[in-house]
C-alpha atoms as a PDB file:
ATOM      1  CA  MET A   1      80.915  26.041 -16.792  1.00  0.00           C
ATOM      2  CA  PHE A   2      80.849  29.593 -15.384  1.00  0.00           C
ATOM      3  CA  LYS A   3      82.753  30.058 -12.118  1.00  0.00           C
ATOM      4  CA  THR A   4      80.587  31.864  -9.557  1.00  0.00           C
ATOM      5  CA  ARG A   5      82.442  34.299  -7.384  1.00  0.00           C
ATOM      6  CA  ILE A   6      80.950  34.153  -3.853  1.00  0.00           C
ATOM      7  CA  LEU A   7      81.536  36.499  -0.952  1.00  0.00           C
ATOM      8  CA  LEU A   8      80.993  34.614   2.320  1.00  0.00           C
ATOM      9  CA  VAL A   9      80.543  36.925   5.267  1.00  0.00           C
ATOM     10  CA  GLU A  10      80.617  34.765   8.335  1.00  0.00           C
ATOM     11  CA  ASP A  11      82.434  35.019  11.702  1.00  0.00           C
ATOM     12  CA  ASN A  12      82.203  31.366  12.793  1.00  0.00           C
ATOM     13  CA  PHE A  13      85.161  29.552  11.274  1.00  0.00           C
ATOM     14  CA  GLY A  14      83.561  26.138  11.730  1.00  0.00           C
ATOM     15  CA  ASP A  15      80.672  27.362   9.576  1.00  0.00           C
ATOM     16  CA  VAL A  16      83.106  28.848   7.087  1.00  0.00           C
ATOM     17  CA  ASP A  17      84.763  25.494   6.717  1.00  0.00           C
ATOM     18  CA  LEU A  18      81.473  23.666   6.489  1.00  0.00           C
ATOM     19  CA  ILE A  19      79.902  26.007   3.899  1.00  0.00           C
ATOM     20  CA  THR A  20      83.172  26.121   1.872  1.00  0.00           C
ATOM     21  CA  ARG A  21      83.301  22.273   1.747  1.00  0.00           C
ATOM     22  CA  MET A  22      79.608  22.044   0.839  1.00  0.00           C
ATOM     23  CA  ILE A  23      80.207  24.483  -2.125  1.00  0.00           C
ATOM     24  CA  SER A  24      83.321  22.655  -3.297  1.00  0.00           C
ATOM     25  CA  LYS A  25      81.202  19.434  -3.468  1.00  0.00           C
ATOM     26  CA  CYS A  26      78.325  20.882  -5.476  1.00  0.00           C
ATOM     27  CA  ASN A  27      77.459  19.046  -8.703  1.00  0.00           C
ATOM     28  CA  ASP A  28      76.059  21.983 -10.832  1.00  0.00           C
ATOM     29  CA  LEU A  29      78.106  24.779  -9.385  1.00  0.00           C
ATOM     30  CA  VAL A  30      81.744  25.818  -9.745  1.00  0.00           C
ATOM     31  CA  ALA A  31      82.653  28.603  -7.397  1.00  0.00           C
ATOM     32  CA  SER A  32      85.400  30.446  -5.747  1.00  0.00           C
ATOM     33  CA  VAL A  33      84.745  31.692  -2.172  1.00  0.00           C
ATOM     34  CA  HIS A  34      86.161  34.852  -0.694  1.00  0.00           C
ATOM     35  CA  HIS A  35      85.662  34.939   3.128  1.00  0.00           C
ATOM     36  CA  LEU A  36      85.288  37.954   5.421  1.00  0.00           C
ATOM     37  CA  ALA A  37      84.315  37.917   9.067  1.00  0.00           C
ATOM     38  CA  LEU A  38      83.271  41.520   9.762  1.00  0.00           C
ATOM     39  CA  ILE A  39      80.462  43.649   8.259  1.00  0.00           C
ATOM     40  CA  GLU A  40      82.740  46.731   7.840  1.00  0.00           C
ATOM     41  CA  ASP A  41      85.287  44.560   5.902  1.00  0.00           C
ATOM     42  CA  ALA A  42      82.478  43.273   3.662  1.00  0.00           C
ATOM     43  CA  ARG A  43      81.109  46.727   3.071  1.00  0.00           C
ATOM     44  CA  LYS A  44      84.596  48.113   2.034  1.00  0.00           C
ATOM     45  CA  TYR A  45      85.219  45.038  -0.094  1.00  0.00           C
ATOM     46  CA  LEU A  46      81.965  45.378  -1.944  1.00  0.00           C
ATOM     47  CA  LEU A  47      82.457  49.078  -2.517  1.00  0.00           C
ATOM     48  CA  GLU A  48      85.944  48.313  -4.103  1.00  0.00           C
ATOM     49  CA  ASN A  49      85.096  45.068  -5.817  1.00  0.00           C
ATOM     50  CA  LEU A  50      81.401  45.253  -6.642  1.00  0.00           C
ATOM     51  CA  HIS A  51      81.736  43.763 -10.083  1.00  0.00           C
ATOM     52  CA  GLU A  52      83.915  40.898  -8.785  1.00  0.00           C
ATOM     53  CA  VAL A  53      81.097  39.272  -6.697  1.00  0.00           C
ATOM     54  CA  ASP A  54      78.342  37.252  -8.223  1.00  0.00           C
ATOM     55  CA  LEU A  55      76.664  36.256  -4.996  1.00  0.00           C
ATOM     56  CA  ILE A  56      76.728  37.031  -1.213  1.00  0.00           C
ATOM     57  CA  LEU A  57      76.262  34.546   1.458  1.00  0.00           C
ATOM     58  CA  LEU A  58      75.635  36.593   4.617  1.00  0.00           C
ATOM     59  CA  ASP A  59      75.431  35.592   8.253  1.00  0.00           C
ATOM     60  CA  LEU A  60      73.214  38.104  10.084  1.00  0.00           C
ATOM     61  CA  ASN A  61      74.947  38.148  13.428  1.00  0.00           C
ATOM     62  CA  LEU A  62      78.507  39.324  13.188  1.00  0.00           C
ATOM     63  CA  PRO A  63      80.831  40.576  15.894  1.00  0.00           C
ATOM     64  CA  ASP A  64      80.695  44.262  14.664  1.00  0.00           C
ATOM     65  CA  SER A  65      77.000  44.193  13.693  1.00  0.00           C
ATOM     66  CA  ASP A  66      73.575  43.030  14.850  1.00  0.00           C
ATOM     67  CA  TYR A  67      71.106  41.622  12.430  1.00  0.00           C
ATOM     68  CA  LYS A  68      69.352  44.968  11.812  1.00  0.00           C
ATOM     69  CA  ASN A  69      72.612  46.818  10.967  1.00  0.00           C
ATOM     70  CA  THR A  70      73.791  43.855   8.799  1.00  0.00           C
ATOM     71  CA  LEU A  71      70.461  43.876   6.863  1.00  0.00           C
ATOM     72  CA  HIS A  72      70.678  47.611   6.396  1.00  0.00           C
ATOM     73  CA  THR A  73      74.413  47.751   5.478  1.00  0.00           C
ATOM     74  CA  ILE A  74      74.558  44.816   3.092  1.00  0.00           C
ATOM     75  CA  VAL A  75      71.105  43.939   1.917  1.00  0.00           C
ATOM     76  CA  GLY A  76      69.882  47.491   1.856  1.00  0.00           C
ATOM     77  CA  ASN A  77      72.908  48.773  -0.108  1.00  0.00           C
ATOM     78  CA  PHE A  78      74.042  45.919  -2.248  1.00  0.00           C
ATOM     79  CA  ASN A  79      70.897  44.102  -3.310  1.00  0.00           C
ATOM     80  CA  ARG A  80      71.759  44.264  -7.025  1.00  0.00           C
ATOM     81  CA  ILE A  81      73.898  41.292  -6.158  1.00  0.00           C
ATOM     82  CA  PRO A  82      71.917  38.151  -5.155  1.00  0.00           C
ATOM     83  CA  ILE A  83      72.166  37.706  -1.428  1.00  0.00           C
ATOM     84  CA  ILE A  84      71.315  34.680   0.589  1.00  0.00           C
ATOM     85  CA  VAL A  85      71.220  35.249   4.382  1.00  0.00           C
ATOM     86  CA  PHE A  86      71.965  32.780   7.106  1.00  0.00           C
ATOM     87  CA  THR A  87      70.032  33.002  10.329  1.00  0.00           C
ATOM     88  CA  GLU A  88      69.226  31.021  13.397  1.00  0.00           C
ATOM     89  CA  MET A  89      66.696  33.649  14.512  1.00  0.00           C
ATOM     90  CA  GLY A  90      63.689  32.128  12.739  1.00  0.00           C
ATOM     91  CA  THR A  91      61.410  32.826   9.824  1.00  0.00           C
ATOM     92  CA  THR A  92      60.366  36.297  10.812  1.00  0.00           C
ATOM     93  CA  ILE A  93      63.958  37.651  10.454  1.00  0.00           C
ATOM     94  CA  GLY A  94      64.509  35.640   7.292  1.00  0.00           C
ATOM     95  CA  LEU A  95      61.328  36.999   5.765  1.00  0.00           C
ATOM     96  CA  ARG A  96      62.335  40.547   6.644  1.00  0.00           C
ATOM     97  CA  ALA A  97      65.598  40.001   4.895  1.00  0.00           C
ATOM     98  CA  VAL A  98      63.816  38.932   1.778  1.00  0.00           C
ATOM     99  CA  GLU A  99      61.405  41.811   2.045  1.00  0.00           C
ATOM    100  CA  ILE A 100      64.318  44.248   1.817  1.00  0.00           C
ATOM    101  CA  GLY A 101      66.029  42.557  -1.075  1.00  0.00           C
ATOM    102  CA  ALA A 102      67.731  39.319  -0.037  1.00  0.00           C
ATOM    103  CA  GLU A 103      67.000  36.442  -2.591  1.00  0.00           C
ATOM    104  CA  ASP A 104      66.606  33.852   0.118  1.00  0.00           C
ATOM    105  CA  TYR A 105      67.362  32.932   3.772  1.00  0.00           C
ATOM    106  CA  LEU A 106      68.588  29.577   5.078  1.00  0.00           C
ATOM    107  CA  ASN A 107      68.455  28.438   8.676  1.00  0.00           C
ATOM    108  CA  LYS A 108      71.925  27.339   9.601  1.00  0.00           C
ATOM    109  CA  ASN A 109      70.555  24.492  11.731  1.00  0.00           C
ATOM    110  CA  ASP A 110      68.780  23.014   8.630  1.00  0.00           C
ATOM    111  CA  LEU A 111      71.637  23.584   6.099  1.00  0.00           C
ATOM    112  CA  SER A 112      72.603  20.804   3.762  1.00  0.00           C
ATOM    113  CA  GLN A 113      74.735  20.710   0.663  1.00  0.00           C
ATOM    114  CA  ASP A 114      71.736  20.095  -1.635  1.00  0.00           C
ATOM    115  CA  LEU A 115      69.780  22.915  -0.004  1.00  0.00           C
ATOM    116  CA  LEU A 116      72.689  25.337  -0.319  1.00  0.00           C
ATOM    117  CA  GLU A 117      73.372  24.461  -3.912  1.00  0.00           C
ATOM    118  CA  LYS A 118      69.712  24.846  -4.831  1.00  0.00           C
ATOM    119  CA  ALA A 119      69.450  28.160  -3.078  1.00  0.00           C
ATOM    120  CA  ILE A 120      72.557  29.467  -4.789  1.00  0.00           C
ATOM    121  CA  LEU A 121      71.610  28.296  -8.209  1.00  0.00           C
ATOM    122  CA  PHE A 122      68.011  29.536  -7.927  1.00  0.00           C
ATOM    123  CA  ALA A 123      69.188  32.977  -6.565  1.00  0.00           C
ATOM    124  CA  LEU A 124      71.698  33.327  -9.499  1.00  0.00           C
ATOM    125  CA  LYS A 125      69.027  32.409 -12.031  1.00  0.00           C
ATOM    126  CA  ARG A 126      66.441  34.756 -10.569  1.00  0.00           C
ATOM    127  CA  SER A 127      69.036  37.592 -10.511  1.00  0.00           C
ATOM    128  CA  GLN A 128      69.816  36.890 -14.230  1.00  0.00           C
ATOM    129  CA  HIS A 129      66.227  36.935 -15.210  1.00  0.00           C
ATOM    130  CA  ARG A 130      65.519  40.163 -13.322  1.00  0.00           C
ATOM    131  CA  LYS A 131      68.503  41.876 -15.038  1.00  0.00           C
ATOM    132  CA  CYS A 132      67.284  40.735 -18.497  1.00  0.00           C
ATOM    133  CA  TYR A 133      63.761  41.990 -17.671  1.00  0.00           C
ATOM    134  CA  GLU A 134      65.196  45.309 -16.491  1.00  0.00           C
ATOM    135  CA  LYS A 135      67.145  45.622 -19.782  1.00  0.00           C
ATOM    136  CA  TYR A 136      64.034  44.907 -21.708  1.00  0.00           C
ATOM    137  CA  LEU A 137      62.046  47.526 -19.937  1.00  0.00           C
ATOM    138  CA  THR A 138      64.670  50.202 -20.644  1.00  0.00           C
ATOM    139  CA  ARG A 139      64.710  49.676 -24.473  1.00  0.00           C
END
C-alpha cells in the first residue's frame, strides 16, 4: 500500500495528538505525518519540500495567521496539493476555502476517524483524477 505523506499544520497539540492517532488507526490509509504549528513554517516547508507532501491538513486559525491569511498563503499558493481545512467557524468559511482550492473542509467539533479517513482518501483520489485529466488535455 502507498504511504501518504501528510503535512499537518495545527497549533493545538491536543488536536495534533488526536488527529495523528486517528490517522494511525485508519484501515485503508497508511500515512506519515509531519507537523508544523505556524503558517510561516508551513509555507517555507512547502517551498522546500513541495514534492514530499501528498496532502495538507490545515487549521485555519494559527498563532501567526488569521483564517484569511492562512487561506491565501497555503490554499491560494499550494492548491496543486490536496488540502483539507479544519475550521470551527462554520460552513461559510469552509465553503470559501473550497472555492479557492481546498478539496474539503471539516469541522473540528464533528471530527471522527471515519470522517477524516474518508475525507483524506476522497481528496487524494480527486486529486489523482484531476492530474490524469490535465495530462490528457495537454496531449
